[in-house]
Each structure stands twice: as C-alpha cells, then as structure tokens.
Amino acid sequence: MPTRQSALIELEVPLRQSGVAGHLDSWFQEFPFRTHINLRGDSTDVAFSTALASLIGMTLPLSPNTVSESGGWRVCWLGPDEWLLLGPDQPALIDSLAAALASTHHSLVMLSGGQTLVRIGGPAWRDVIASACPLDLHPRVFGAGQCAQTVLAHTNVLLIAVEDSEHGGAVDIVVRRSFADYLLRWLMDAAREPGFTLFEPAL
C-alpha cells in the first residue's frame, strides 16, 4: 500500500530561528491528511441543507467569507453556491454525502490529495502574511469565523482566521500541495525578522 507523505516532507522539523530581537514571534505547523471536499448546491433547497446537516452536524454558512464549525468539521463559504468542507481524515464521507444528496442538484469533488493546510500564528503572523498578501488583515475586519480567497506570494490560497487551542490567534492557509513547500519557505523567509518556529506536522 502506498505511504502517504506530508507535502512538506523535505523541510527539517522542528526548526527555530530567532529574530533580530532574539524573539520567536511567529510559528508554522502543517495539518496534513485532512479531508477537503468542494461542495456546490442550492442552499435554498431544504433537502440539500437537511441532508448536509444530518451528516456534519451544522448548517451551511450563507454570509460571504464566513465559516461554520462543529465537531471537528468546518464549512467555508466560497461563493453563493459553493463551500469547502474541512475535517478529520474521513475519505468515506464523500460517499455518504453523495448518497444523501442523490436527489438534489449538487456537485462533490474530493480535494484531499491535492491540498494541504498550514497554520501560522504568533504575535507577528499578520505582519508575515501582509508582506505578501493584498488583503486587509486587521482584526477589525478579519477575525475568527471568517475566511477569504486571495493570493499569497503569487499562490492562490484560502485564508481562515482561527483560535488555536494552544497558541491563540492564528490563520489557516489552504494551499495546493504542489505549492506548499514553496509557500512555506517564502513565509519563513518573511518571518526571519520577528523569528519563527516550525513545529512538526499535526498528525
């Protein structure tokens, strides 16, 4: 059976590099092997919404750039009829969703093998991201429960503001596997001034 490997397997972890003031004001950690499913459908269709809620225990976020979360699963708004489901390593979920939504107009695409998730946090995370991202990341406009599709260091990503259970405020970066190594190396270079820690992947 093939062995699954982290998209960042060539990076040595853990890694620490103190900043110019001797601090470690940012940190990075990959969350590999999670379930990523792109979902499209009509949120006004009761059968569609009910079937989804019965499987993942939450309703779809309908406000632009918002996130619903329950039981380890997150649903990110990508468009009026499009969402990204993120959660534990449960590849069989897509089959359950397909069966439950069979009578509705919908689309399901498994993206788990082509995407990964990297989290960056620490006091300097907004400055590190802002060095390569055009979005306004001030807490008054981008906080927990919000997401945004954007370009980061010339790479298409989805940013999700989160509260890390151990380290406080952070942002999750959903990125294609083929760009993950490049993107993280770019961000670590941007984090040299505040200093950073690269943790082992959260398996």
Foldseek 3Di string as FASTA:
>chain_A
DDDDDALQNVDDPWDWAAAPVRAAFKEKAWAALKWKKKKFFQLVPPLLQVLVCVLQVDGADQDAFFWDDDDQWIWGDDDNGIIIIIGHNDVCVVVSSCVSCVVGDMDMDTCRVFKIKMKMDGPCQVVLQVVFWPDDCPCVVAAARGKDFTAGNNFTWIWHWHQDPPGGTIIMTIGTSVCVNVRVVSSCVSCRNNIHTYHYHDD
